[in-house]
N, C-alpha and C. Protein backbone atom coordinates (compact mmCIF):
# COMPACT_ATOMS: atom_id res chain seq x y z
N MET A 1 -59.40 79.70 52.79
CA MET A 1 -59.35 78.15 53.54
C MET A 1 -60.03 78.99 54.84
N ALA A 2 -60.69 78.45 56.10
CA ALA A 2 -61.51 78.86 57.01
C ALA A 2 -60.72 79.32 57.76
N GLU A 3 -59.04 78.89 57.99
CA GLU A 3 -58.23 79.75 59.36
C GLU A 3 -57.78 80.43 58.92
N ASP A 4 -57.81 80.54 57.42
CA ASP A 4 -56.81 81.98 57.24
C ASP A 4 -58.15 83.18 57.54
N ARG A 5 -58.98 82.69 57.33
CA ARG A 5 -59.96 83.84 57.56
C ARG A 5 -60.23 84.18 58.93
N ASP A 6 -60.62 83.13 60.09
CA ASP A 6 -60.03 83.14 60.96
C ASP A 6 -59.19 84.21 61.30
N GLY A 7 -58.11 83.34 61.19
CA GLY A 7 -56.67 83.86 61.78
C GLY A 7 -56.68 85.77 61.40
N GLY A 8 -57.66 86.02 60.50
CA GLY A 8 -57.58 87.30 59.49
C GLY A 8 -58.36 87.96 60.52
N GLU A 9 -59.52 88.01 61.13
CA GLU A 9 -60.39 88.23 61.97
C GLU A 9 -59.90 88.11 63.57
N ARG A 10 -59.13 87.86 64.17
CA ARG A 10 -58.29 87.22 64.99
C ARG A 10 -57.40 88.91 64.96
N LEU A 11 -56.66 88.79 64.03
CA LEU A 11 -55.20 89.95 64.16
C LEU A 11 -56.10 90.86 64.01
N ARG A 12 -57.35 91.07 63.39
CA ARG A 12 -57.78 92.76 63.52
C ARG A 12 -58.72 93.13 64.55
N GLU A 13 -58.93 92.37 65.50
CA GLU A 13 -59.41 92.74 66.82
C GLU A 13 -58.53 93.26 67.90
N GLY A 14 -58.54 94.57 67.47
CA GLY A 14 -58.16 95.61 68.57
C GLY A 14 -57.02 96.13 68.29
N VAL A 15 -56.40 95.67 67.41
CA VAL A 15 -54.86 96.09 67.23
C VAL A 15 -54.37 97.44 66.11
N SER A 16 -53.20 97.85 65.89
CA SER A 16 -52.89 98.84 65.57
C SER A 16 -52.20 98.64 63.94
N ALA A 17 -52.35 99.83 62.99
CA ALA A 17 -51.78 99.22 62.21
C ALA A 17 -50.01 99.79 61.72
N VAL A 18 -49.40 100.67 63.01
CA VAL A 18 -47.96 101.23 63.30
C VAL A 18 -47.10 99.82 62.96
N GLN A 19 -46.36 99.98 62.09
CA GLN A 19 -45.73 98.60 62.08
C GLN A 19 -44.68 98.78 63.39
N VAL A 20 -44.06 98.00 63.79
CA VAL A 20 -43.85 96.77 64.94
C VAL A 20 -42.31 96.45 64.33
N ASP A 21 -41.65 97.17 65.35
CA ASP A 21 -40.09 96.32 65.14
C ASP A 21 -39.75 95.75 66.00
N LEU A 22 -40.26 94.51 66.26
CA LEU A 22 -39.58 93.93 67.16
C LEU A 22 -38.77 93.76 68.28
N LYS A 23 -37.46 94.13 67.51
CA LYS A 23 -35.52 94.12 67.80
C LYS A 23 -36.06 95.47 69.21
N ARG A 24 -36.70 96.04 68.72
CA ARG A 24 -37.21 97.08 69.73
C ARG A 24 -37.81 97.37 71.14
N GLU A 25 -39.00 96.05 70.64
CA GLU A 25 -39.92 95.54 71.82
C GLU A 25 -39.13 94.40 72.54
N ILE A 26 -38.28 93.89 72.00
CA ILE A 26 -38.00 92.59 72.86
C ILE A 26 -36.69 93.36 73.42
N ALA A 27 -36.55 93.17 74.73
CA ALA A 27 -35.29 93.47 75.36
C ALA A 27 -34.12 92.66 75.10
N ALA A 28 -34.57 91.82 74.65
CA ALA A 28 -32.89 90.76 74.51
C ALA A 28 -32.55 91.05 73.13
N TYR A 29 -32.94 91.92 72.52
CA TYR A 29 -32.27 91.93 71.13
C TYR A 29 -31.24 93.09 71.10
N THR A 30 -31.19 93.88 72.37
CA THR A 30 -30.06 94.66 72.11
C THR A 30 -28.86 94.08 73.82
N ALA A 31 -27.87 94.20 73.28
CA ALA A 31 -26.53 93.99 73.97
C ALA A 31 -25.32 95.06 73.98
N PRO A 32 -24.77 94.90 75.44
CA PRO A 32 -23.70 96.01 75.46
C PRO A 32 -22.27 95.79 74.26
N ARG A 33 -21.89 96.68 74.01
CA ARG A 33 -20.87 96.27 73.21
C ARG A 33 -19.88 96.25 74.24
N GLY A 34 -18.47 95.69 74.03
CA GLY A 34 -17.66 95.50 74.96
C GLY A 34 -17.44 94.57 76.26
N ARG A 35 -18.82 94.54 76.36
CA ARG A 35 -18.51 93.62 78.15
C ARG A 35 -19.67 92.54 77.79
N PHE A 36 -19.86 91.63 79.01
CA PHE A 36 -20.81 91.07 78.44
C PHE A 36 -22.17 90.86 80.17
N GLU A 37 -23.23 90.69 79.25
CA GLU A 37 -24.45 91.04 80.79
C GLU A 37 -25.14 89.87 80.62
N VAL A 38 -26.08 89.68 81.87
CA VAL A 38 -26.49 88.37 81.64
C VAL A 38 -28.03 88.76 82.09
N ARG A 39 -28.74 88.26 81.35
CA ARG A 39 -30.26 88.64 80.63
C ARG A 39 -31.01 87.42 80.75
N THR A 40 -32.26 87.99 81.53
CA THR A 40 -33.12 87.10 81.01
C THR A 40 -34.27 86.92 79.54
N VAL A 41 -34.23 85.91 78.87
CA VAL A 41 -34.46 85.73 77.30
C VAL A 41 -36.31 85.30 77.62
N PRO A 42 -37.41 85.50 77.25
CA PRO A 42 -38.43 84.99 77.21
C PRO A 42 -38.73 84.06 76.11
N PRO A 43 -39.54 82.93 76.41
CA PRO A 43 -39.85 81.92 74.96
C PRO A 43 -40.50 82.40 73.97
N LEU A 44 -39.69 82.59 72.71
CA LEU A 44 -39.73 83.09 71.58
C LEU A 44 -39.73 82.10 70.65
N GLN A 45 -40.84 82.35 69.37
CA GLN A 45 -41.01 81.63 68.64
C GLN A 45 -40.43 81.66 67.05
N TYR A 46 -39.54 80.58 66.53
CA TYR A 46 -39.26 80.56 65.57
C TYR A 46 -39.48 79.78 64.23
N LEU A 47 -39.53 80.39 62.79
CA LEU A 47 -38.91 79.22 61.85
C LEU A 47 -37.37 78.72 62.12
N THR A 48 -37.63 77.56 62.05
CA THR A 48 -36.04 77.06 62.03
C THR A 48 -36.36 75.51 61.40
N ILE A 49 -34.85 75.68 60.96
CA ILE A 49 -34.16 74.45 60.09
C ILE A 49 -32.63 74.19 60.30
N ASP A 50 -32.92 72.76 60.59
CA ASP A 50 -31.43 72.06 61.29
C ASP A 50 -30.28 71.90 60.54
N GLY A 51 -29.21 71.68 60.26
CA GLY A 51 -27.91 71.65 59.85
C GLY A 51 -26.70 71.21 60.05
N GLN A 52 -25.94 71.13 58.96
CA GLN A 52 -24.31 70.75 59.60
C GLN A 52 -23.61 71.04 58.66
N GLY A 53 -22.20 71.48 59.00
CA GLY A 53 -21.08 72.02 57.86
C GLY A 53 -21.09 73.49 57.97
N ASP A 54 -19.49 73.97 57.28
CA ASP A 54 -19.14 75.07 57.14
C ASP A 54 -20.26 75.85 56.68
N PRO A 55 -20.88 77.11 57.15
CA PRO A 55 -21.76 77.91 56.12
C PRO A 55 -21.32 78.51 54.72
N ASN A 56 -19.91 78.56 55.00
CA ASN A 56 -19.88 79.25 54.51
C ASN A 56 -19.28 78.68 52.26
N THR A 57 -19.47 77.45 52.80
CA THR A 57 -19.45 76.75 51.70
C THR A 57 -20.29 75.14 51.43
N SER A 58 -21.45 75.17 52.44
CA SER A 58 -22.12 74.03 52.61
C SER A 58 -23.56 74.56 51.74
N ALA A 59 -24.46 73.61 50.99
CA ALA A 59 -25.07 74.11 50.24
C ALA A 59 -26.78 73.42 51.24
N ALA A 60 -26.87 73.36 51.90
CA ALA A 60 -27.72 73.31 52.81
C ALA A 60 -27.95 73.95 53.62
N TYR A 61 -26.86 74.97 53.76
CA TYR A 61 -27.15 76.28 54.77
C TYR A 61 -27.52 77.66 53.96
N ALA A 62 -27.29 77.44 53.04
CA ALA A 62 -27.43 78.38 51.81
C ALA A 62 -29.19 78.36 51.12
N ASP A 63 -29.86 76.78 51.50
CA ASP A 63 -31.09 76.15 51.01
C ASP A 63 -31.92 76.79 52.48
N ALA A 64 -30.79 76.93 53.77
CA ALA A 64 -32.18 77.20 54.46
C ALA A 64 -32.89 78.32 54.58
N LEU A 65 -31.40 79.29 54.30
CA LEU A 65 -31.45 80.87 53.76
C LEU A 65 -32.92 81.49 52.87
N ALA A 66 -32.74 80.60 51.97
CA ALA A 66 -33.15 80.93 50.98
C ALA A 66 -34.82 79.89 50.91
N THR A 67 -34.95 79.48 51.69
CA THR A 67 -36.03 78.93 52.44
C THR A 67 -36.89 79.85 53.79
N VAL A 68 -36.11 79.91 55.09
CA VAL A 68 -35.74 80.95 55.82
C VAL A 68 -36.91 82.73 55.07
N TYR A 69 -36.46 82.62 54.52
CA TYR A 69 -36.54 84.49 53.71
C TYR A 69 -37.72 84.24 53.14
N PRO A 70 -38.17 83.42 52.31
CA PRO A 70 -39.39 83.79 51.58
C PRO A 70 -40.69 83.46 52.68
N VAL A 71 -40.75 82.59 53.24
CA VAL A 71 -41.61 82.16 54.46
C VAL A 71 -41.91 83.61 55.38
N ALA A 72 -40.90 83.91 55.53
CA ALA A 72 -40.59 85.55 56.64
C ALA A 72 -41.17 86.39 56.17
N TYR A 73 -41.04 86.60 54.90
CA TYR A 73 -41.45 87.83 54.25
C TYR A 73 -43.65 87.14 53.85
N THR A 74 -43.49 86.31 53.70
CA THR A 74 -44.92 85.51 53.50
C THR A 74 -45.60 85.98 54.65
N LEU A 75 -45.29 85.49 55.94
CA LEU A 75 -45.75 85.55 57.20
C LEU A 75 -46.36 87.40 57.50
N ARG A 76 -45.22 88.00 56.68
CA ARG A 76 -45.27 89.48 57.26
C ARG A 76 -46.09 90.33 55.99
N ALA A 77 -46.15 89.65 55.15
CA ALA A 77 -47.44 89.96 54.23
C ALA A 77 -49.07 89.77 54.81
N VAL A 78 -48.93 88.38 55.18
CA VAL A 78 -50.42 87.98 55.54
C VAL A 78 -50.66 88.95 56.98
N SER A 79 -49.52 89.08 58.08
CA SER A 79 -50.24 89.77 58.84
C SER A 79 -50.35 91.55 58.83
N LYS A 80 -49.73 92.27 57.31
CA LYS A 80 -49.79 93.25 57.36
C LYS A 80 -51.28 93.27 56.76
N ALA A 81 -51.64 92.62 55.46
CA ALA A 81 -52.97 92.54 55.49
C ALA A 81 -54.13 92.63 56.30
N ALA A 82 -53.42 91.84 57.36
CA ALA A 82 -55.09 91.74 58.60
C ALA A 82 -54.81 93.21 58.99
N GLY A 83 -54.42 93.71 59.52
CA GLY A 83 -53.98 94.89 60.06
C GLY A 83 -52.81 95.14 61.32
N ARG A 84 -51.39 94.10 61.33
CA ARG A 84 -50.44 94.33 62.07
C ARG A 84 -49.74 93.90 61.47
N PRO A 85 -49.24 95.34 60.62
CA PRO A 85 -47.81 94.85 59.84
C PRO A 85 -46.35 95.11 60.98
N TYR A 86 -45.46 94.45 61.09
CA TYR A 86 -43.99 94.02 61.18
C TYR A 86 -42.85 94.28 60.52
N THR A 87 -41.81 94.35 61.47
CA THR A 87 -40.15 94.09 60.42
C THR A 87 -39.36 93.12 60.37
N VAL A 88 -39.72 92.13 58.75
CA VAL A 88 -39.17 90.83 59.11
C VAL A 88 -37.61 91.12 60.49
N MET A 89 -37.25 89.86 61.12
CA MET A 89 -36.38 89.91 62.26
C MET A 89 -34.98 89.44 61.48
N PRO A 90 -34.36 90.08 61.96
CA PRO A 90 -32.70 89.44 61.45
C PRO A 90 -32.63 87.90 61.35
N LEU A 91 -31.86 87.04 61.05
CA LEU A 91 -31.77 85.73 60.46
C LEU A 91 -30.85 85.85 62.51
N GLU A 92 -30.89 84.80 62.74
CA GLU A 92 -30.31 84.33 63.64
C GLU A 92 -29.62 82.50 63.64
N ALA A 93 -29.16 82.23 63.96
CA ALA A 93 -28.08 80.45 64.56
C ALA A 93 -27.93 80.18 65.89
N LEU A 94 -28.55 78.96 65.61
CA LEU A 94 -27.99 78.27 67.01
C LEU A 94 -26.95 77.30 66.29
N TRP A 95 -25.47 77.51 66.80
CA TRP A 95 -24.20 76.94 66.73
C TRP A 95 -24.02 75.60 67.93
N TRP A 96 -23.56 74.83 67.38
CA TRP A 96 -23.18 73.62 68.29
C TRP A 96 -21.99 72.58 67.70
N SER A 97 -21.12 72.22 68.55
CA SER A 97 -20.22 71.03 68.23
C SER A 97 -19.28 69.79 69.33
N ASP A 98 -19.18 69.31 69.07
CA ASP A 98 -19.05 68.38 70.20
C ASP A 98 -18.42 68.38 70.66
N ASP A 99 -17.34 69.43 70.40
CA ASP A 99 -16.20 69.68 70.72
C ASP A 99 -16.02 71.61 70.93
N PRO A 100 -16.37 72.08 72.26
CA PRO A 100 -16.62 73.58 71.94
C PRO A 100 -15.63 74.25 71.50
N ALA A 101 -14.35 74.10 71.43
CA ALA A 101 -13.07 74.36 71.20
C ALA A 101 -13.23 74.80 69.89
N ALA A 102 -13.93 73.57 69.02
CA ALA A 102 -14.16 74.42 67.38
C ALA A 102 -14.45 75.83 67.13
N PHE A 103 -15.36 76.45 68.56
CA PHE A 103 -15.52 77.64 68.00
C PHE A 103 -14.82 79.03 68.56
N THR A 104 -14.07 78.17 69.43
CA THR A 104 -13.22 78.88 70.09
C THR A 104 -11.91 78.58 69.57
N THR A 105 -10.94 78.28 70.66
CA THR A 105 -9.42 78.11 70.34
C THR A 105 -9.25 77.65 69.23
N ALA A 106 -9.48 76.42 68.63
CA ALA A 106 -9.49 75.34 67.30
C ALA A 106 -10.55 75.54 66.73
N ARG A 107 -10.96 76.98 66.03
CA ARG A 107 -12.44 77.12 65.25
C ARG A 107 -11.94 76.27 64.34
N ASP A 108 -13.34 75.26 64.23
CA ASP A 108 -13.60 74.50 62.64
C ASP A 108 -14.40 74.60 62.35
N THR A 109 -15.05 75.26 61.64
CA THR A 109 -16.43 75.14 60.93
C THR A 109 -17.06 73.94 60.23
N THR A 110 -16.09 73.49 59.68
CA THR A 110 -16.26 72.32 59.32
C THR A 110 -17.36 71.37 60.40
N ARG A 111 -16.62 71.39 60.53
CA ARG A 111 -16.96 70.62 63.04
C ARG A 111 -18.49 71.25 63.13
N TRP A 112 -19.13 72.04 62.83
CA TRP A 112 -20.23 72.94 63.42
C TRP A 112 -21.43 72.21 62.58
N ALA A 113 -22.37 71.79 63.68
CA ALA A 113 -23.87 71.71 63.82
C ALA A 113 -24.62 73.55 63.59
N TRP A 114 -25.51 73.04 62.95
CA TRP A 114 -26.36 74.35 63.48
C TRP A 114 -27.96 74.82 63.02
N THR A 115 -28.89 75.25 63.84
CA THR A 115 -30.12 75.45 63.11
C THR A 115 -30.38 77.13 63.35
N VAL A 116 -31.08 77.20 61.08
CA VAL A 116 -30.96 78.27 61.21
C VAL A 116 -32.13 79.16 61.75
N LEU A 117 -32.90 80.25 62.15
CA LEU A 117 -34.01 80.67 62.46
C LEU A 117 -34.33 82.32 62.61
N ASN A 118 -35.54 82.53 62.62
CA ASN A 118 -36.15 83.27 61.99
C ASN A 118 -37.35 83.60 63.34
N LEU A 119 -37.31 84.95 63.51
CA LEU A 119 -38.27 85.18 64.85
C LEU A 119 -39.53 84.97 64.27
N VAL A 120 -40.91 84.60 64.88
CA VAL A 120 -41.86 84.81 64.27
C VAL A 120 -43.19 85.74 64.89
N PRO A 121 -43.87 86.82 65.12
CA PRO A 121 -44.01 86.98 66.18
C PRO A 121 -45.54 86.11 66.91
N ASP A 122 -45.44 86.81 68.16
CA ASP A 122 -46.42 85.12 68.82
C ASP A 122 -47.94 85.29 68.73
N TRP A 123 -48.24 86.37 67.52
CA TRP A 123 -49.78 86.53 66.97
C TRP A 123 -50.11 85.64 65.86
N LEU A 124 -48.92 85.44 65.13
CA LEU A 124 -49.16 84.20 64.06
C LEU A 124 -48.90 83.03 64.82
N THR A 125 -49.82 82.36 64.36
CA THR A 125 -49.75 80.46 64.85
C THR A 125 -49.75 79.72 63.46
N ARG A 126 -49.27 78.29 64.16
CA ARG A 126 -48.95 77.60 63.32
C ARG A 126 -49.79 77.56 62.12
N ASP A 127 -50.62 77.09 61.85
CA ASP A 127 -51.89 77.70 60.66
C ASP A 127 -51.19 78.42 60.17
N ASP A 128 -50.58 79.87 60.56
CA ASP A 128 -50.61 80.72 59.28
C ASP A 128 -49.16 80.48 58.99
N VAL A 129 -48.04 79.62 59.58
CA VAL A 129 -46.94 79.19 59.08
C VAL A 129 -47.20 78.52 57.98
N GLU A 130 -47.90 77.32 58.01
CA GLU A 130 -48.40 76.13 57.16
C GLU A 130 -48.83 76.60 55.98
N ALA A 131 -49.81 77.68 55.77
CA ALA A 131 -50.23 79.16 54.61
C ALA A 131 -48.95 79.47 54.25
N ALA A 132 -48.24 79.73 54.74
CA ALA A 132 -46.91 80.31 54.11
C ALA A 132 -46.40 79.49 53.29
N VAL A 133 -46.05 78.17 53.65
CA VAL A 133 -45.25 77.64 53.27
C VAL A 133 -45.51 76.83 52.09
N THR A 134 -47.21 77.01 52.11
CA THR A 134 -48.06 76.43 50.93
C THR A 134 -47.89 77.36 49.57
N THR A 135 -48.04 78.95 50.64
CA THR A 135 -47.75 80.26 49.82
C THR A 135 -46.42 79.89 48.42
N VAL A 136 -45.32 79.86 49.57
CA VAL A 136 -44.02 79.66 49.19
C VAL A 136 -43.44 79.07 47.69
N ALA A 137 -44.59 77.26 48.31
CA ALA A 137 -44.02 75.79 47.34
C ALA A 137 -45.00 76.74 46.08
N GLY A 138 -45.82 76.91 45.35
CA GLY A 138 -47.06 77.21 44.88
C GLY A 138 -45.82 77.72 43.98
N LYS A 139 -44.95 78.78 44.70
CA LYS A 139 -44.20 79.33 43.62
C LYS A 139 -43.01 78.84 43.56
N GLY A 140 -42.95 78.02 43.93
CA GLY A 140 -41.77 77.21 43.25
C GLY A 140 -40.30 77.83 44.06
N ARG A 141 -40.81 78.25 44.99
CA ARG A 141 -39.49 78.57 45.89
C ARG A 141 -39.23 77.74 47.05
N GLY A 142 -37.99 78.10 48.09
CA GLY A 142 -38.30 76.98 48.96
C GLY A 142 -37.84 75.96 49.43
N PRO A 143 -35.88 75.72 48.61
CA PRO A 143 -35.53 74.51 48.48
C PRO A 143 -35.68 73.56 49.79
N ALA A 144 -35.93 73.96 51.10
CA ALA A 144 -36.01 73.02 52.34
C ALA A 144 -37.33 73.34 53.14
N LEU A 145 -38.87 73.38 52.49
CA LEU A 145 -39.59 73.52 53.02
C LEU A 145 -39.83 72.51 53.73
N GLU A 146 -39.78 71.02 53.66
CA GLU A 146 -39.86 69.89 54.06
C GLU A 146 -38.93 70.22 55.28
N ALA A 147 -38.13 70.97 55.79
CA ALA A 147 -37.23 71.13 56.58
C ALA A 147 -38.11 71.88 57.78
N LEU A 148 -38.42 72.83 57.17
CA LEU A 148 -38.59 73.96 58.17
C LEU A 148 -40.03 73.51 59.09
N ARG A 149 -39.61 74.27 60.44
CA ARG A 149 -40.61 73.92 61.41
C ARG A 149 -40.67 75.06 61.90
N LEU A 150 -41.92 75.35 63.15
CA LEU A 150 -42.66 76.20 63.78
C LEU A 150 -41.97 75.91 65.02
N GLU A 151 -40.86 76.37 65.89
CA GLU A 151 -40.47 75.82 66.96
C GLU A 151 -40.42 76.84 68.44
N GLU A 152 -40.98 76.53 69.64
CA GLU A 152 -40.65 77.82 70.70
C GLU A 152 -39.13 77.04 71.27
N LEU A 153 -38.81 78.90 71.35
CA LEU A 153 -37.17 78.54 71.79
C LEU A 153 -37.37 79.18 73.59
N GLN A 154 -37.08 78.33 74.67
CA GLN A 154 -37.03 78.61 75.62
C GLN A 154 -35.49 78.79 76.35
N GLU A 155 -34.93 80.13 76.46
CA GLU A 155 -33.40 80.23 76.53
C GLU A 155 -33.55 80.48 77.61
N GLY A 156 -34.56 81.21 78.78
CA GLY A 156 -33.97 81.51 80.18
C GLY A 156 -32.94 82.64 80.23
N LEU A 157 -32.13 82.43 81.38
CA LEU A 157 -30.72 82.72 81.62
C LEU A 157 -30.11 82.51 80.59
N CYS A 158 -29.26 83.98 80.01
CA CYS A 158 -27.81 84.29 79.02
C CYS A 158 -27.46 84.87 79.68
N VAL A 159 -25.93 84.68 78.86
CA VAL A 159 -24.88 85.83 78.87
C VAL A 159 -24.79 86.01 77.17
N GLN A 160 -25.02 87.30 77.32
CA GLN A 160 -24.74 87.88 75.50
C GLN A 160 -23.84 89.33 75.70
N THR A 161 -23.72 89.21 74.33
CA THR A 161 -22.65 90.73 74.39
C THR A 161 -22.66 91.35 73.12
N LEU A 162 -22.60 92.82 72.45
CA LEU A 162 -22.52 92.84 70.63
C LEU A 162 -21.02 92.66 70.14
N TYR A 163 -21.18 91.90 69.62
CA TYR A 163 -19.45 91.74 68.97
C TYR A 163 -19.97 92.43 67.29
N VAL A 164 -18.82 93.04 66.99
CA VAL A 164 -18.62 94.58 66.23
C VAL A 164 -17.06 93.68 65.01
N GLY A 165 -17.78 93.04 63.76
CA GLY A 165 -16.60 92.59 63.02
C GLY A 165 -16.56 91.25 62.75
N PRO A 166 -15.84 90.63 62.03
CA PRO A 166 -15.78 89.35 61.15
C PRO A 166 -15.90 88.26 62.10
N TYR A 167 -17.02 87.21 61.26
CA TYR A 167 -17.78 86.34 62.01
C TYR A 167 -16.48 85.76 62.33
N ASP A 168 -15.26 85.35 61.47
CA ASP A 168 -14.30 84.16 61.83
C ASP A 168 -13.63 84.79 62.91
N ASP A 169 -13.68 86.28 63.15
CA ASP A 169 -12.58 86.70 64.16
C ASP A 169 -13.44 86.32 65.86
N GLU A 170 -14.26 85.95 66.17
CA GLU A 170 -15.18 85.85 67.07
C GLU A 170 -14.24 85.27 68.27
N GLY A 171 -13.95 83.89 67.69
CA GLY A 171 -13.52 83.26 68.74
C GLY A 171 -12.63 83.90 69.79
N PRO A 172 -12.14 84.68 69.99
CA PRO A 172 -11.67 85.01 71.01
C PRO A 172 -12.39 85.51 72.51
N VAL A 173 -13.42 86.28 71.81
CA VAL A 173 -14.35 86.99 72.33
C VAL A 173 -15.32 85.76 73.21
N LEU A 174 -15.73 84.75 72.29
CA LEU A 174 -16.38 83.68 73.01
C LEU A 174 -15.57 82.68 73.94
N ALA A 175 -14.76 82.43 73.84
CA ALA A 175 -13.33 82.19 74.35
C ALA A 175 -13.35 82.91 76.02
N ALA A 176 -13.62 84.30 75.85
CA ALA A 176 -13.40 85.01 77.24
C ALA A 176 -14.95 84.82 77.65
N MET A 177 -15.96 84.81 77.07
CA MET A 177 -17.36 84.48 77.60
C MET A 177 -17.67 83.09 78.30
N HIS A 178 -16.55 82.11 77.53
CA HIS A 178 -16.82 80.82 78.10
C HIS A 178 -16.13 80.61 79.38
N ASP A 179 -14.74 81.01 79.44
CA ASP A 179 -14.01 80.34 80.01
C ASP A 179 -13.40 81.13 81.39
N GLU A 180 -13.73 82.95 80.91
CA GLU A 180 -13.56 83.44 82.18
C GLU A 180 -14.82 84.33 82.53
N PHE A 181 -15.70 84.86 81.80
CA PHE A 181 -17.21 85.60 82.67
C PHE A 181 -17.69 84.69 83.44
N VAL A 182 -18.24 83.38 82.31
CA VAL A 182 -19.24 82.66 82.72
C VAL A 182 -19.16 81.75 84.28
N PRO A 183 -17.43 81.34 83.96
CA PRO A 183 -17.36 80.51 86.04
C PRO A 183 -17.18 81.54 86.79
N GLY A 184 -16.35 83.14 86.08
CA GLY A 184 -16.69 84.21 86.96
C GLY A 184 -17.42 84.34 87.70
N ALA A 185 -18.60 84.21 87.10
CA ALA A 185 -20.34 84.70 87.61
C ALA A 185 -20.72 83.54 88.46
N SER A 186 -20.19 83.15 88.66
CA SER A 186 -20.59 81.76 88.55
C SER A 186 -22.07 80.70 88.55
N LEU A 187 -21.58 80.74 87.08
CA LEU A 187 -22.44 80.64 86.18
C LEU A 187 -21.81 78.89 85.38
N ARG A 188 -22.74 78.29 84.82
CA ARG A 188 -22.66 77.02 84.15
C ARG A 188 -23.13 77.54 82.95
N LEU A 189 -22.39 76.68 81.11
CA LEU A 189 -23.06 77.04 80.58
C LEU A 189 -24.23 75.84 79.96
N THR A 190 -25.35 75.78 79.45
CA THR A 190 -26.26 75.51 79.05
C THR A 190 -26.88 75.70 77.93
N GLY A 191 -27.67 74.91 77.26
CA GLY A 191 -27.70 75.27 75.52
C GLY A 191 -26.43 75.35 74.61
N LYS A 192 -27.27 76.23 73.51
CA LYS A 192 -26.63 76.11 72.53
C LYS A 192 -26.33 77.98 72.41
N HIS A 193 -24.75 77.66 71.48
CA HIS A 193 -24.51 79.17 71.34
C HIS A 193 -25.28 79.66 69.85
N HIS A 194 -26.00 80.94 70.60
CA HIS A 194 -26.66 81.69 69.41
C HIS A 194 -26.14 82.78 69.02
N GLU A 195 -26.50 83.08 67.66
CA GLU A 195 -26.18 84.68 67.16
C GLU A 195 -27.19 85.01 66.78
N VAL A 196 -27.26 86.57 66.69
CA VAL A 196 -28.56 87.14 66.26
C VAL A 196 -27.58 88.47 65.10
N TYR A 197 -27.63 88.03 64.13
CA TYR A 197 -27.07 89.34 63.27
C TYR A 197 -27.85 90.44 62.64
N LEU A 198 -27.67 91.25 62.92
CA LEU A 198 -27.94 92.95 63.44
C LEU A 198 -27.74 93.28 61.78
N SER A 199 -26.51 92.75 61.18
CA SER A 199 -26.06 93.06 60.00
C SER A 199 -26.34 92.77 59.17
N ASP A 200 -26.63 93.14 57.55
CA ASP A 200 -26.72 92.35 56.33
C ASP A 200 -24.76 92.21 55.70
N PRO A 201 -24.42 90.78 55.95
CA PRO A 201 -23.09 91.07 55.35
C PRO A 201 -23.21 91.58 53.74
N ARG A 202 -24.64 91.05 53.13
CA ARG A 202 -24.09 92.35 51.53
C ARG A 202 -23.67 93.35 51.60
N ARG A 203 -24.13 94.00 52.57
CA ARG A 203 -24.35 95.36 52.46
C ARG A 203 -23.21 96.18 53.83
N ALA A 204 -22.49 95.69 54.98
CA ALA A 204 -21.88 96.05 55.54
C ALA A 204 -20.21 95.10 55.31
N ALA A 205 -19.44 96.30 55.66
CA ALA A 205 -18.23 95.64 55.27
C ALA A 205 -17.92 95.18 56.49
N PRO A 206 -17.02 93.86 56.45
CA PRO A 206 -16.46 92.66 57.60
C PRO A 206 -16.33 93.13 58.94
N GLN A 207 -15.44 94.39 59.01
CA GLN A 207 -15.00 94.71 60.06
C GLN A 207 -16.59 95.78 60.97
N ARG A 208 -17.31 95.98 60.12
CA ARG A 208 -18.09 96.39 60.75
C ARG A 208 -19.87 95.64 61.08
N LEU A 209 -19.51 94.43 61.02
CA LEU A 209 -21.23 93.56 61.07
C LEU A 209 -21.48 93.58 62.58
N ARG A 210 -22.41 93.76 62.75
CA ARG A 210 -22.72 93.45 64.28
C ARG A 210 -23.73 92.39 64.60
N THR A 211 -23.09 91.80 65.59
CA THR A 211 -23.54 90.63 65.98
C THR A 211 -23.79 90.22 67.82
N ILE A 212 -25.02 89.91 67.95
CA ILE A 212 -25.04 89.81 68.86
C ILE A 212 -24.94 88.33 69.52
N LEU A 213 -23.80 88.01 70.32
CA LEU A 213 -23.59 86.82 71.04
C LEU A 213 -23.61 86.05 72.20
N ARG A 214 -24.87 85.30 72.06
CA ARG A 214 -25.71 85.02 73.21
C ARG A 214 -25.44 83.55 73.79
N GLN A 215 -25.26 83.15 75.01
CA GLN A 215 -25.12 81.51 75.86
C GLN A 215 -25.70 81.43 77.13
N PRO A 216 -26.87 80.44 76.69
CA PRO A 216 -27.97 80.38 77.77
C PRO A 216 -26.67 79.44 78.86
N VAL A 217 -27.36 80.09 80.62
CA VAL A 217 -26.28 79.28 81.49
C VAL A 217 -27.30 79.14 82.51
N GLU A 218 -26.84 78.22 83.44
CA GLU A 218 -27.45 78.52 84.51
C GLU A 218 -26.91 78.93 85.86
N ARG A 219 -26.96 79.07 86.69
CA ARG A 219 -26.26 78.87 88.58
C ARG A 219 -25.64 77.75 88.66
N ALA A 220 -24.25 78.05 89.06
CA ALA A 220 -23.02 76.93 88.97
C ALA A 220 -23.34 76.39 90.56
């Protein structure tokens, strides 16, 4: 396809063959453990799929993961072939509920809505994503391809921390962020709770899982 050829030529212009790890390139992908920090997150583009319900039991959540990863790795292969290799970014997700307490003091995963995220480098375009979706569909993969979108997320000012431990034990940390640190710093919550999963739960013990907890805020 013409757009693939043009994209390849564009990627080859003045780029290095050294593999890029965007976690090291984007400052927002580091956070302090045991304390909260205020950081400005730049606009970033992501593969996204929306859904609702307990991520531990939801077929929709499993389908979202089974779709995002094949597309992400197909994009990586395209970029690598064009001379710009990079490391596929970790899984991320936005979470929200009509009752914020569903995340903290009354933690109830069945009441959560979510958006699965995977960051796409800024040198890849919507045409690249559409071509990757076509490739994945041709292999009979990606059960939620029709729901996948490329979207820019503009979070701006955020509070974040590095949490280490089981996902289900995050509640007290989030309560301290929402109810103590944010108002104490003359901030107020905006946007959706954001988690960056730096560890693979298939390989790391629950007590060693590393997760960036991020909350967009604004000045009160």
